[in-house]
Amino acid sequence: MGIKTKVRRKRYNSHRGTIGRVAGNVLNREFTADEPNEKWVSDVTEFPVADQKLYLSPIIDLFDTSVVSYSMSMSPNTALTNESLTNACQGLRPGQKPLVHTDQGFQYQHVSWAAILAKHGA
């Protein structure tokens, strides 16, 4: 019948070591929010596209699970995650300071990520 199995390649796995500041788990598995822009979550996801890999970095609002912002790249680098966070923060209204929860991969420990959070009071 010409059926062949697809060989699964190793999936993307973010660096698990410590390269910067690791934030405490403030969210503590409370994955609901009472109002928009109160709690955001983010992670990097890998998608195979043809013979290449595409990486997606969404910022998701836990109020209604909407995608506040996202960026895509051929590399899972800090520019990818910083772009999605910067774009998400541009939509904040005065006084909104979301709690941002991630898996603490290297992109989220980087000084540039922390600077964006600090700039917006997140």
PDB file of N, CA and C in Angstrom:
ATOM      1  N   MET A   1       0.822  -1.208   0.000  1.00  0.00           N
ATOM      2  CA  MET A   1       0.000   0.000   0.000  1.00  0.00           C
ATOM      3  C   MET A   1       0.859   1.262   0.000  1.00  0.00           C
ATOM      4  N   GLY A   2       2.172   1.156   0.113  1.00  0.00           N
ATOM      5  CA  GLY A   2       3.040   2.322   0.086  1.00  0.00           C
ATOM      6  C   GLY A   2       3.031   3.135   1.368  1.00  0.00           C
ATOM      7  N   ILE A   3       2.581   2.529   2.461  1.00  0.00           N
ATOM      8  CA  ILE A   3       2.525   3.241   3.736  1.00  0.00           C
ATOM      9  C   ILE A   3       3.908   3.217   4.383  1.00  0.00           C
ATOM     10  N   LYS A   4       4.364   4.376   4.787  1.00  0.00           N
ATOM     11  CA  LYS A   4       5.653   4.483   5.461  1.00  0.00           C
ATOM     12  C   LYS A   4       5.483   5.273   6.742  1.00  0.00           C
ATOM     13  N   THR A   5       6.273   4.938   7.719  1.00  0.00           N
ATOM     14  CA  THR A   5       6.231   5.714   8.960  1.00  0.00           C
ATOM     15  C   THR A   5       7.097   6.949   8.808  1.00  0.00           C
ATOM     16  N   LYS A   6       6.715   7.971   9.478  1.00  0.00           N
ATOM     17  CA  LYS A   6       7.496   9.202   9.484  1.00  0.00           C
ATOM     18  C   LYS A   6       8.474   9.127  10.642  1.00  0.00           C
ATOM     19  N   VAL A   7       9.739   9.334  10.356  1.00  0.00           N
ATOM     20  CA  VAL A   7      10.757   9.320  11.404  1.00  0.00           C
ATOM     21  C   VAL A   7      10.630  10.608  12.193  1.00  0.00           C
ATOM     22  N   ARG A   8      10.441  10.468  13.487  1.00  0.00           N
ATOM     23  CA  ARG A   8      10.288  11.643  14.339  1.00  0.00           C
ATOM     24  C   ARG A   8      11.650  12.139  14.757  1.00  0.00           C
ATOM     25  N   ARG A   9      11.879  13.388  14.506  1.00  0.00           N
ATOM     26  CA  ARG A   9      13.115  14.025  14.937  1.00  0.00           C
ATOM     27  C   ARG A   9      12.946  14.537  16.350  1.00  0.00           C
ATOM     28  N   LYS A  10      14.063  14.738  17.013  1.00  0.00           N
ATOM     29  CA  LYS A  10      14.005  15.281  18.361  1.00  0.00           C
ATOM     30  C   LYS A  10      13.356  16.659  18.320  1.00  0.00           C
ATOM     31  N   ARG A  11      12.396  16.873  19.195  1.00  0.00           N
ATOM     32  CA  ARG A  11      11.681  18.140  19.239  1.00  0.00           C
ATOM     33  C   ARG A  11      12.498  19.186  19.980  1.00  0.00           C
ATOM     34  N   TYR A  12      12.136  20.430  19.766  1.00  0.00           N
ATOM     35  CA  TYR A  12      12.811  21.545  20.413  1.00  0.00           C
ATOM     36  C   TYR A  12      12.706  21.428  21.922  1.00  0.00           C
ATOM     37  N   ASN A  13      13.802  21.632  22.595  1.00  0.00           N
ATOM     38  CA  ASN A  13      13.834  21.599  24.048  1.00  0.00           C
ATOM     39  C   ASN A  13      14.688  22.778  24.500  1.00  0.00           C
ATOM     40  N   SER A  14      14.079  23.718  25.131  1.00  0.00           N
ATOM     41  CA  SER A  14      14.775  24.912  25.581  1.00  0.00           C
ATOM     42  C   SER A  14      15.890  24.555  26.564  1.00  0.00           C
ATOM     43  N   HIS A  15      16.922  25.352  26.573  1.00  0.00           N
ATOM     44  CA  HIS A  15      18.023  25.183  27.520  1.00  0.00           C
ATOM     45  C   HIS A  15      17.457  25.193  28.936  1.00  0.00           C
ATOM     46  N   ARG A  16      17.778  24.190  29.720  1.00  0.00           N
ATOM     47  CA  ARG A  16      17.198  24.064  31.056  1.00  0.00           C
ATOM     48  C   ARG A  16      18.101  24.600  32.158  1.00  0.00           C
ATOM     49  N   GLY A  17      19.287  25.050  31.809  1.00  0.00           N
ATOM     50  CA  GLY A  17      20.188  25.564  32.825  1.00  0.00           C
ATOM     51  C   GLY A  17      19.842  26.987  33.214  1.00  0.00           C
ATOM     52  N   THR A  18      20.626  27.532  34.101  1.00  0.00           N
ATOM     53  CA  THR A  18      20.424  28.900  34.550  1.00  0.00           C
ATOM     54  C   THR A  18      21.459  29.799  33.883  1.00  0.00           C
ATOM     55  N   ILE A  19      20.983  30.794  33.128  1.00  0.00           N
ATOM     56  CA  ILE A  19      21.889  31.744  32.501  1.00  0.00           C
ATOM     57  C   ILE A  19      21.637  33.155  33.006  1.00  0.00           C
ATOM     58  N   GLY A  20      20.579  33.329  33.732  1.00  0.00           N
ATOM     59  CA  GLY A  20      20.210  34.638  34.253  1.00  0.00           C
ATOM     60  C   GLY A  20      19.363  34.460  35.491  1.00  0.00           C
ATOM     61  N   ARG A  21      18.546  35.451  35.746  1.00  0.00           N
ATOM     62  CA  ARG A  21      17.683  35.414  36.928  1.00  0.00           C
ATOM     63  C   ARG A  21      16.471  34.520  36.685  1.00  0.00           C
ATOM     64  N   VAL A  22      16.227  33.586  37.580  1.00  0.00           N
ATOM     65  CA  VAL A  22      15.050  32.733  37.520  1.00  0.00           C
ATOM     66  C   VAL A  22      14.026  33.299  38.498  1.00  0.00           C
ATOM     67  N   ALA A  23      12.856  33.629  37.980  1.00  0.00           N
ATOM     68  CA  ALA A  23      11.807  34.214  38.815  1.00  0.00           C
ATOM     69  C   ALA A  23      11.080  33.123  39.591  1.00  0.00           C
ATOM     70  N   GLY A  24      10.543  33.482  40.714  1.00  0.00           N
ATOM     71  CA  GLY A  24       9.753  32.547  41.509  1.00  0.00           C
ATOM     72  C   GLY A  24       8.431  32.235  40.828  1.00  0.00           C
ATOM     73  N   ASN A  25       7.800  31.151  41.217  1.00  0.00           N
ATOM     74  CA  ASN A  25       6.530  30.746  40.643  1.00  0.00           C
ATOM     75  C   ASN A  25       5.385  31.473  41.350  1.00  0.00           C
ATOM     76  N   VAL A  26       5.151  32.699  40.963  1.00  0.00           N
ATOM     77  CA  VAL A  26       4.114  33.523  41.575  1.00  0.00           C
ATOM     78  C   VAL A  26       2.722  33.062  41.150  1.00  0.00           C
ATOM     79  N   LEU A  27       2.589  32.580  39.924  1.00  0.00           N
ATOM     80  CA  LEU A  27       1.292  32.139  39.410  1.00  0.00           C
ATOM     81  C   LEU A  27       0.758  30.932  40.182  1.00  0.00           C
ATOM     82  N   ASN A  28       1.647  30.029  40.551  1.00  0.00           N
ATOM     83  CA  ASN A  28       1.304  28.881  41.391  1.00  0.00           C
ATOM     84  C   ASN A  28       0.085  28.102  40.873  1.00  0.00           C
ATOM     85  N   ARG A  29       0.063  27.853  39.564  1.00  0.00           N
ATOM     86  CA  ARG A  29      -0.972  27.059  38.894  1.00  0.00           C
ATOM     87  C   ARG A  29      -2.375  27.671  38.974  1.00  0.00           C
ATOM     88  N   GLU A  30      -2.469  28.962  39.210  1.00  0.00           N
ATOM     89  CA  GLU A  30      -3.753  29.676  39.198  1.00  0.00           C
ATOM     90  C   GLU A  30      -3.962  30.208  37.775  1.00  0.00           C
ATOM     91  N   PHE A  31      -4.415  29.339  36.869  1.00  0.00           N
ATOM     92  CA  PHE A  31      -4.490  29.657  35.451  1.00  0.00           C
ATOM     93  C   PHE A  31      -5.798  30.335  35.046  1.00  0.00           C
ATOM     94  N   THR A  32      -6.337  31.163  35.912  1.00  0.00           N
ATOM     95  CA  THR A  32      -7.509  31.964  35.584  1.00  0.00           C
ATOM     96  C   THR A  32      -7.216  33.403  35.991  1.00  0.00           C
ATOM     97  N   ALA A  33      -7.927  34.317  35.357  1.00  0.00           N
ATOM     98  CA  ALA A  33      -7.772  35.739  35.677  1.00  0.00           C
ATOM     99  C   ALA A  33      -9.152  36.380  35.716  1.00  0.00           C
ATOM    100  N   ASP A  34      -9.305  37.386  36.544  1.00  0.00           N
ATOM    101  CA  ASP A  34     -10.591  38.065  36.702  1.00  0.00           C
ATOM    102  C   ASP A  34     -10.805  39.190  35.703  1.00  0.00           C
ATOM    103  N   GLU A  35      -9.725  39.655  35.076  1.00  0.00           N
ATOM    104  CA  GLU A  35      -9.834  40.750  34.119  1.00  0.00           C
ATOM    105  C   GLU A  35      -8.740  40.628  33.067  1.00  0.00           C
ATOM    106  N   PRO A  36      -8.939  41.267  31.913  1.00  0.00           N
ATOM    107  CA  PRO A  36      -7.928  41.215  30.862  1.00  0.00           C
ATOM    108  C   PRO A  36      -6.596  41.817  31.321  1.00  0.00           C
ATOM    109  N   ASN A  37      -5.534  41.305  30.786  1.00  0.00           N
ATOM    110  CA  ASN A  37      -4.169  41.787  31.040  1.00  0.00           C
ATOM    111  C   ASN A  37      -3.755  41.688  32.507  1.00  0.00           C
ATOM    112  N   GLU A  38      -4.348  40.747  33.215  1.00  0.00           N
ATOM    113  CA  GLU A  38      -3.965  40.490  34.597  1.00  0.00           C
ATOM    114  C   GLU A  38      -2.868  39.422  34.657  1.00  0.00           C
ATOM    115  N   LYS A  39      -3.038  38.347  33.856  1.00  0.00           N
ATOM    116  CA  LYS A  39      -2.073  37.243  33.826  1.00  0.00           C
ATOM    117  C   LYS A  39      -1.848  36.808  32.385  1.00  0.00           C
ATOM    118  N   TRP A  40      -0.578  36.772  32.012  1.00  0.00           N
ATOM    119  CA  TRP A  40      -0.192  36.288  30.690  1.00  0.00           C
ATOM    120  C   TRP A  40       0.715  35.077  30.844  1.00  0.00           C
ATOM    121  N   VAL A  41       0.674  34.185  29.867  1.00  0.00           N
ATOM    122  CA  VAL A  41       1.604  33.061  29.810  1.00  0.00           C
ATOM    123  C   VAL A  41       2.235  33.028  28.427  1.00  0.00           C
ATOM    124  N   SER A  42       3.431  32.432  28.368  1.00  0.00           N
ATOM    125  CA  SER A  42       4.132  32.333  27.097  1.00  0.00           C
ATOM    126  C   SER A  42       5.026  31.107  27.086  1.00  0.00           C
ATOM    127  N   ASP A  43       5.283  30.611  25.906  1.00  0.00           N
ATOM    128  CA  ASP A  43       6.216  29.512  25.699  1.00  0.00           C
ATOM    129  C   ASP A  43       6.609  29.528  24.231  1.00  0.00           C
ATOM    130  N   VAL A  44       7.689  28.860  23.900  1.00  0.00           N
ATOM    131  CA  VAL A  44       8.126  28.735  22.516  1.00  0.00           C
ATOM    132  C   VAL A  44       7.702  27.355  22.015  1.00  0.00           C
ATOM    133  N   THR A  45       7.063  27.327  20.849  1.00  0.00           N
ATOM    134  CA  THR A  45       6.609  26.082  20.248  1.00  0.00           C
ATOM    135  C   THR A  45       7.264  25.915  18.888  1.00  0.00           C
ATOM    136  N   GLU A  46       7.715  24.705  18.609  1.00  0.00           N
ATOM    137  CA  GLU A  46       8.378  24.383  17.342  1.00  0.00           C
ATOM    138  C   GLU A  46       7.394  23.688  16.401  1.00  0.00           C
ATOM    139  N   PHE A  47       7.403  24.121  15.133  1.00  0.00           N
ATOM    140  CA  PHE A  47       6.591  23.492  14.102  1.00  0.00           C
ATOM    141  C   PHE A  47       7.486  23.083  12.941  1.00  0.00           C
ATOM    142  N   PRO A  48       7.414  21.835  12.510  1.00  0.00           N
ATOM    143  CA  PRO A  48       8.144  21.467  11.298  1.00  0.00           C
ATOM    144  C   PRO A  48       7.381  21.984  10.076  1.00  0.00           C
ATOM    145  N   VAL A  49       8.073  22.696   9.209  1.00  0.00           N
ATOM    146  CA  VAL A  49       7.479  23.214   7.978  1.00  0.00           C
ATOM    147  C   VAL A  49       8.418  22.835   6.844  1.00  0.00           C
ATOM    148  N   ALA A  50       7.939  21.952   5.975  1.00  0.00           N
ATOM    149  CA  ALA A  50       8.773  21.385   4.914  1.00  0.00           C
ATOM    150  C   ALA A  50       9.992  20.742   5.569  1.00  0.00           C
ATOM    151  N   ASP A  51      11.174  21.142   5.174  1.00  0.00           N
ATOM    152  CA  ASP A  51      12.390  20.568   5.767  1.00  0.00           C
ATOM    153  C   ASP A  51      13.026  21.506   6.785  1.00  0.00           C
ATOM    154  N   GLN A  52      12.254  22.469   7.274  1.00  0.00           N
ATOM    155  CA  GLN A  52      12.784  23.442   8.222  1.00  0.00           C
ATOM    156  C   GLN A  52      11.937  23.449   9.480  1.00  0.00           C
ATOM    157  N   LYS A  53      12.372  24.259  10.434  1.00  0.00           N
ATOM    158  CA  LYS A  53      11.622  24.428  11.673  1.00  0.00           C
ATOM    159  C   LYS A  53      11.197  25.884  11.808  1.00  0.00           C
ATOM    160  N   LEU A  54       9.986  26.080  12.277  1.00  0.00           N
ATOM    161  CA  LEU A  54       9.461  27.412  12.535  1.00  0.00           C
ATOM    162  C   LEU A  54       9.117  27.471  14.011  1.00  0.00           C
ATOM    163  N   TYR A  55       9.465  28.580  14.660  1.00  0.00           N
ATOM    164  CA  TYR A  55       9.223  28.733  16.094  1.00  0.00           C
ATOM    165  C   TYR A  55       8.189  29.833  16.317  1.00  0.00           C
ATOM    166  N   LEU A  56       7.248  29.545  17.185  1.00  0.00           N
ATOM    167  CA  LEU A  56       6.164  30.465  17.519  1.00  0.00           C
ATOM    168  C   LEU A  56       6.274  30.846  18.983  1.00  0.00           C
ATOM    169  N   SER A  57       6.143  32.147  19.255  1.00  0.00           N
ATOM    170  CA  SER A  57       6.170  32.651  20.625  1.00  0.00           C
ATOM    171  C   SER A  57       4.914  33.487  20.867  1.00  0.00           C
ATOM    172  N   PRO A  58       3.846  32.871  21.389  1.00  0.00           N
ATOM    173  CA  PRO A  58       2.637  33.636  21.682  1.00  0.00           C
ATOM    174  C   PRO A  58       2.637  34.183  23.113  1.00  0.00           C
ATOM    175  N   ILE A  59       1.923  35.264  23.314  1.00  0.00           N
ATOM    176  CA  ILE A  59       1.591  35.765  24.647  1.00  0.00           C
ATOM    177  C   ILE A  59       0.087  35.549  24.780  1.00  0.00           C
ATOM    178  N   ILE A  60      -0.324  34.733  25.758  1.00  0.00           N
ATOM    179  CA  ILE A  60      -1.724  34.360  25.921  1.00  0.00           C
ATOM    180  C   ILE A  60      -2.263  34.951  27.214  1.00  0.00           C
ATOM    181  N   ASP A  61      -3.420  35.594  27.113  1.00  0.00           N
ATOM    182  CA  ASP A  61      -4.081  36.194  28.269  1.00  0.00           C
ATOM    183  C   ASP A  61      -4.946  35.132  28.942  1.00  0.00           C
ATOM    184  N   LEU A  62      -4.717  34.868  30.220  1.00  0.00           N
ATOM    185  CA  LEU A  62      -5.470  33.848  30.937  1.00  0.00           C
ATOM    186  C   LEU A  62      -6.902  34.265  31.267  1.00  0.00           C
ATOM    187  N   PHE A  63      -7.253  35.523  31.011  1.00  0.00           N
ATOM    188  CA  PHE A  63      -8.627  35.957  31.241  1.00  0.00           C
ATOM    189  C   PHE A  63      -9.583  35.213  30.306  1.00  0.00           C
ATOM    190  N   ASP A  64      -9.233  35.174  29.020  1.00  0.00           N
ATOM    191  CA  ASP A  64     -10.089  34.523  28.029  1.00  0.00           C
ATOM    192  C   ASP A  64      -9.314  33.619  27.073  1.00  0.00           C
ATOM    193  N   THR A  65      -8.071  33.339  27.393  1.00  0.00           N
ATOM    194  CA  THR A  65      -7.134  32.534  26.591  1.00  0.00           C
ATOM    195  C   THR A  65      -6.916  33.088  25.183  1.00  0.00           C
ATOM    196  N   SER A  66      -7.099  34.382  25.020  1.00  0.00           N
ATOM    197  CA  SER A  66      -6.841  34.991  23.712  1.00  0.00           C
ATOM    198  C   SER A  66      -5.344  35.199  23.520  1.00  0.00           C
ATOM    199  N   VAL A  67      -4.936  35.214  22.274  1.00  0.00           N
ATOM    200  CA  VAL A  67      -3.545  35.497  21.931  1.00  0.00           C
ATOM    201  C   VAL A  67      -3.411  37.012  21.852  1.00  0.00           C
ATOM    202  N   VAL A  68      -2.669  37.578  22.780  1.00  0.00           N
ATOM    203  CA  VAL A  68      -2.474  39.024  22.843  1.00  0.00           C
ATOM    204  C   VAL A  68      -1.489  39.457  21.772  1.00  0.00           C
ATOM    205  N   SER A  69      -0.466  38.631  21.564  1.00  0.00           N
ATOM    206  CA  SER A  69       0.581  38.929  20.608  1.00  0.00           C
ATOM    207  C   SER A  69       1.301  37.634  20.266  1.00  0.00           C
ATOM    208  N   TYR A  70       1.991  37.629  19.148  1.00  0.00           N
ATOM    209  CA  TYR A  70       2.832  36.489  18.817  1.00  0.00           C
ATOM    210  C   TYR A  70       3.920  36.932  17.855  1.00  0.00           C
ATOM    211  N   SER A  71       4.971  36.151  17.797  1.00  0.00           N
ATOM    212  CA  SER A  71       6.017  36.352  16.801  1.00  0.00           C
ATOM    213  C   SER A  71       6.454  34.980  16.317  1.00  0.00           C
ATOM    214  N   MET A  72       7.014  34.944  15.108  1.00  0.00           N
ATOM    215  CA  MET A  72       7.513  33.705  14.525  1.00  0.00           C
ATOM    216  C   MET A  72       8.913  33.941  13.992  1.00  0.00           C
ATOM    217  N   SER A  73       9.708  32.872  14.028  1.00  0.00           N
ATOM    218  CA  SER A  73      11.089  32.988  13.582  1.00  0.00           C
ATOM    219  C   SER A  73      11.613  31.605  13.194  1.00  0.00           C
ATOM    220  N   MET A  74      12.696  31.597  12.469  1.00  0.00           N
ATOM    221  CA  MET A  74      13.377  30.347  12.131  1.00  0.00           C
ATOM    222  C   MET A  74      14.339  29.939  13.246  1.00  0.00           C
ATOM    223  N   SER A  75      14.424  30.763  14.292  1.00  0.00           N
ATOM    224  CA  SER A  75      15.325  30.483  15.405  1.00  0.00           C
ATOM    225  C   SER A  75      14.616  30.780  16.726  1.00  0.00           C
ATOM    226  N   PRO A  76      14.798  29.917  17.738  1.00  0.00           N
ATOM    227  CA  PRO A  76      14.152  30.147  19.038  1.00  0.00           C
ATOM    228  C   PRO A  76      14.994  31.055  19.931  1.00  0.00           C
ATOM    229  N   ASN A  77      15.331  32.224  19.445  1.00  0.00           N
ATOM    230  CA  ASN A  77      16.248  33.102  20.166  1.00  0.00           C
ATOM    231  C   ASN A  77      15.505  34.166  20.983  1.00  0.00           C
ATOM    232  N   THR A  78      16.278  35.003  21.643  1.00  0.00           N
ATOM    233  CA  THR A  78      15.673  36.043  22.481  1.00  0.00           C
ATOM    234  C   THR A  78      14.927  37.085  21.657  1.00  0.00           C
ATOM    235  N   ALA A  79      15.344  37.323  20.437  1.00  0.00           N
ATOM    236  CA  ALA A  79      14.632  38.284  19.590  1.00  0.00           C
ATOM    237  C   ALA A  79      13.187  37.831  19.369  1.00  0.00           C
ATOM    238  N   LEU A  80      12.979  36.533  19.219  1.00  0.00           N
ATOM    239  CA  LEU A  80      11.643  35.967  19.022  1.00  0.00           C
ATOM    240  C   LEU A  80      10.736  36.275  20.207  1.00  0.00           C
ATOM    241  N   THR A  81      11.185  35.926  21.401  1.00  0.00           N
ATOM    242  CA  THR A  81      10.356  36.118  22.594  1.00  0.00           C
ATOM    243  C   THR A  81      10.233  37.594  22.965  1.00  0.00           C
ATOM    244  N   ASN A  82      11.288  38.348  22.779  1.00  0.00           N
ATOM    245  CA  ASN A  82      11.235  39.776  23.098  1.00  0.00           C
ATOM    246  C   ASN A  82      10.249  40.518  22.206  1.00  0.00           C
ATOM    247  N   GLU A  83      10.181  40.120  20.943  1.00  0.00           N
ATOM    248  CA  GLU A  83       9.253  40.776  20.020  1.00  0.00           C
ATOM    249  C   GLU A  83       7.802  40.541  20.443  1.00  0.00           C
ATOM    250  N   SER A  84       7.461  39.311  20.791  1.00  0.00           N
ATOM    251  CA  SER A  84       6.074  39.046  21.180  1.00  0.00           C
ATOM    252  C   SER A  84       5.710  39.774  22.470  1.00  0.00           C
ATOM    253  N   LEU A  85       6.644  39.820  23.431  1.00  0.00           N
ATOM    254  CA  LEU A  85       6.369  40.523  24.688  1.00  0.00           C
ATOM    255  C   LEU A  85       6.252  42.032  24.472  1.00  0.00           C
ATOM    256  N   THR A  86       7.150  42.599  23.688  1.00  0.00           N
ATOM    257  CA  THR A  86       7.106  44.040  23.408  1.00  0.00           C
ATOM    258  C   THR A  86       5.800  44.422  22.739  1.00  0.00           C
ATOM    259  N   ASN A  87       5.391  43.639  21.744  1.00  0.00           N
ATOM    260  CA  ASN A  87       4.132  43.930  21.050  1.00  0.00           C
ATOM    261  C   ASN A  87       2.929  43.789  21.987  1.00  0.00           C
ATOM    262  N   ALA A  88       2.948  42.802  22.863  1.00  0.00           N
ATOM    263  CA  ALA A  88       1.855  42.632  23.821  1.00  0.00           C
ATOM    264  C   ALA A  88       1.778  43.823  24.770  1.00  0.00           C
ATOM    265  N   CYS A  89       2.911  44.271  25.252  1.00  0.00           N
ATOM    266  CA  CYS A  89       2.942  45.382  26.210  1.00  0.00           C
ATOM    267  C   CYS A  89       2.471  46.694  25.598  1.00  0.00           C
ATOM    268  N   GLN A  90       2.599  46.834  24.292  1.00  0.00           N
ATOM    269  CA  GLN A  90       2.144  48.061  23.636  1.00  0.00           C
ATOM    270  C   GLN A  90       0.637  48.232  23.728  1.00  0.00           C
ATOM    271  N   GLY A  91      -0.100  47.136  23.965  1.00  0.00           N
ATOM    272  CA  GLY A  91      -1.547  47.212  24.089  1.00  0.00           C
ATOM    273  C   GLY A  91      -2.047  47.436  25.506  1.00  0.00           C
ATOM    274  N   LEU A  92      -1.138  47.567  26.461  1.00  0.00           N
ATOM    275  CA  LEU A  92      -1.551  47.777  27.849  1.00  0.00           C
ATOM    276  C   LEU A  92      -2.088  49.185  28.051  1.00  0.00           C
ATOM    277  N   ARG A  93      -3.122  49.284  28.865  1.00  0.00           N
ATOM    278  CA  ARG A  93      -3.654  50.591  29.250  1.00  0.00           C
ATOM    279  C   ARG A  93      -2.960  51.042  30.529  1.00  0.00           C
ATOM    280  N   PRO A  94      -2.994  52.325  30.841  1.00  0.00           N
ATOM    281  CA  PRO A  94      -2.362  52.801  32.074  1.00  0.00           C
ATOM    282  C   PRO A  94      -2.860  52.030  33.295  1.00  0.00           C
ATOM    283  N   GLY A  95      -1.936  51.621  34.129  1.00  0.00           N
ATOM    284  CA  GLY A  95      -2.261  50.883  35.340  1.00  0.00           C
ATOM    285  C   GLY A  95      -2.265  49.377  35.180  1.00  0.00           C
ATOM    286  N   GLN A  96      -2.297  48.881  33.963  1.00  0.00           N
ATOM    287  CA  GLN A  96      -2.269  47.431  33.744  1.00  0.00           C
ATOM    288  C   GLN A  96      -0.825  46.934  33.825  1.00  0.00           C
ATOM    289  N   LYS A  97      -0.596  45.991  34.711  1.00  0.00           N
ATOM    290  CA  LYS A  97       0.736  45.428  34.935  1.00  0.00           C
ATOM    291  C   LYS A  97       0.597  43.914  35.070  1.00  0.00           C
ATOM    292  N   PRO A  98       0.544  43.218  33.949  1.00  0.00           N
ATOM    293  CA  PRO A  98       0.269  41.784  34.013  1.00  0.00           C
ATOM    294  C   PRO A  98       1.375  40.976  34.674  1.00  0.00           C
ATOM    295  N   LEU A  99       0.964  39.901  35.316  1.00  0.00           N
ATOM    296  CA  LEU A  99       1.882  38.881  35.797  1.00  0.00           C
ATOM    297  C   LEU A  99       2.180  38.016  34.581  1.00  0.00           C
ATOM    298  N   VAL A 100       3.454  37.824  34.251  1.00  0.00           N
ATOM    299  CA  VAL A 100       3.838  37.058  33.064  1.00  0.00           C
ATOM    300  C   VAL A 100       4.516  35.773  33.518  1.00  0.00           C
ATOM    301  N   HIS A 101       3.939  34.636  33.125  1.00  0.00           N
ATOM    302  CA  HIS A 101       4.429  33.329  33.549  1.00  0.00           C
ATOM    303  C   HIS A 101       4.998  32.575  32.351  1.00  0.00           C
ATOM    304  N   THR A 102       6.193  32.007  32.518  1.00  0.00           N
ATOM    305  CA  THR A 102       6.841  31.223  31.464  1.00  0.00           C
ATOM    306  C   THR A 102       7.467  29.974  32.081  1.00  0.00           C
ATOM    307  N   ASP A 103       8.083  29.171  31.223  1.00  0.00           N
ATOM    308  CA  ASP A 103       8.761  27.960  31.706  1.00  0.00           C
ATOM    309  C   ASP A 103      10.194  28.234  32.160  1.00  0.00           C
ATOM    310  N   GLN A 104      10.624  29.464  32.171  1.00  0.00           N
ATOM    311  CA  GLN A 104      11.962  29.874  32.608  1.00  0.00           C
ATOM    312  C   GLN A 104      13.067  29.347  31.701  1.00  0.00           C
ATOM    313  N   GLY A 105      12.750  29.118  30.415  1.00  0.00           N
ATOM    314  CA  GLY A 105      13.776  28.784  29.432  1.00  0.00           C
ATOM    315  C   GLY A 105      14.763  29.942  29.303  1.00  0.00           C
ATOM    316  N   PHE A 106      15.834  29.724  28.574  1.00  0.00           N
ATOM    317  CA  PHE A 106      16.903  30.734  28.519  1.00  0.00           C
ATOM    318  C   PHE A 106      16.401  32.083  28.035  1.00  0.00           C
ATOM    319  N   GLN A 107      15.421  32.102  27.120  1.00  0.00           N
ATOM    320  CA  GLN A 107      14.923  33.384  26.605  1.00  0.00           C
ATOM    321  C   GLN A 107      14.290  34.216  27.715  1.00  0.00           C
ATOM    322  N   TYR A 108      13.651  33.534  28.663  1.00  0.00           N
ATOM    323  CA  TYR A 108      12.925  34.225  29.728  1.00  0.00           C
ATOM    324  C   TYR A 108      13.809  34.575  30.923  1.00  0.00           C
ATOM    325  N   GLN A 109      15.011  34.041  30.947  1.00  0.00           N
ATOM    326  CA  GLN A 109      15.984  34.405  31.982  1.00  0.00           C
ATOM    327  C   GLN A 109      16.876  35.556  31.526  1.00  0.00           C
ATOM    328  N   HIS A 110      16.831  35.850  30.249  1.00  0.00           N
ATOM    329  CA  HIS A 110      17.747  36.836  29.681  1.00  0.00           C
ATOM    330  C   HIS A 110      17.453  38.247  30.189  1.00  0.00           C
ATOM    331  N   VAL A 111      18.498  39.030  30.317  1.00  0.00           N
ATOM    332  CA  VAL A 111      18.377  40.400  30.817  1.00  0.00           C
ATOM    333  C   VAL A 111      17.453  41.244  29.935  1.00  0.00           C
ATOM    334  N   SER A 112      17.407  40.963  28.640  1.00  0.00           N
ATOM    335  CA  SER A 112      16.558  41.742  27.734  1.00  0.00           C
ATOM    336  C   SER A 112      15.067  41.498  28.016  1.00  0.00           C
ATOM    337  N   TRP A 113      14.697  40.259  28.368  1.00  0.00           N
ATOM    338  CA  TRP A 113      13.307  39.940  28.732  1.00  0.00           C
ATOM    339  C   TRP A 113      12.930  40.671  30.021  1.00  0.00           C
ATOM    340  N   ALA A 114      13.818  40.615  30.994  1.00  0.00           N
ATOM    341  CA  ALA A 114      13.585  41.282  32.284  1.00  0.00           C
ATOM    342  C   ALA A 114      13.450  42.789  32.099  1.00  0.00           C
ATOM    343  N   ALA A 115      14.218  43.346  31.179  1.00  0.00           N
ATOM    344  CA  ALA A 115      14.149  44.798  30.932  1.00  0.00           C
ATOM    345  C   ALA A 115      12.803  45.205  30.350  1.00  0.00           C
ATOM    346  N   ILE A 116      12.267  44.390  29.461  1.00  0.00           N
ATOM    347  CA  ILE A 116      10.950  44.691  28.879  1.00  0.00           C
ATOM    348  C   ILE A 116       9.873  44.620  29.962  1.00  0.00           C
ATOM    349  N   LEU A 117       9.935  43.597  30.800  1.00  0.00           N
ATOM    350  CA  LEU A 117       8.980  43.476  31.906  1.00  0.00           C
ATOM    351  C   LEU A 117       9.068  44.687  32.828  1.00  0.00           C
ATOM    352  N   ALA A 118      10.275  45.059  33.184  1.00  0.00           N
ATOM    353  CA  ALA A 118      10.479  46.189  34.109  1.00  0.00           C
ATOM    354  C   ALA A 118       9.972  47.494  33.504  1.00  0.00           C
ATOM    355  N   LYS A 119      10.233  47.687  32.228  1.00  0.00           N
ATOM    356  CA  LYS A 119       9.804  48.916  31.544  1.00  0.00           C
ATOM    357  C   LYS A 119       8.292  49.097  31.608  1.00  0.00           C
ATOM    358  N   HIS A 120       7.555  47.993  31.608  1.00  0.00           N
ATOM    359  CA  HIS A 120       6.094  48.051  31.602  1.00  0.00           C
ATOM    360  C   HIS A 120       5.483  47.698  32.958  1.00  0.00           C
ATOM    361  N   GLY A 121       6.313  47.525  33.973  1.00  0.00           N
ATOM    362  CA  GLY A 121       5.826  47.250  35.316  1.00  0.00           C
ATOM    363  C   GLY A 121       5.235  45.859  35.476  1.00  0.00           C
ATOM    364  N   ALA A 122       5.536  44.979  34.551  1.00  0.00           N
ATOM    365  CA  ALA A 122       4.987  43.608  34.596  1.00  0.00           C
ATOM    366  C   ALA A 122       5.807  42.754  35.534  1.00  0.00           C
TER     367      ALA A 122
END
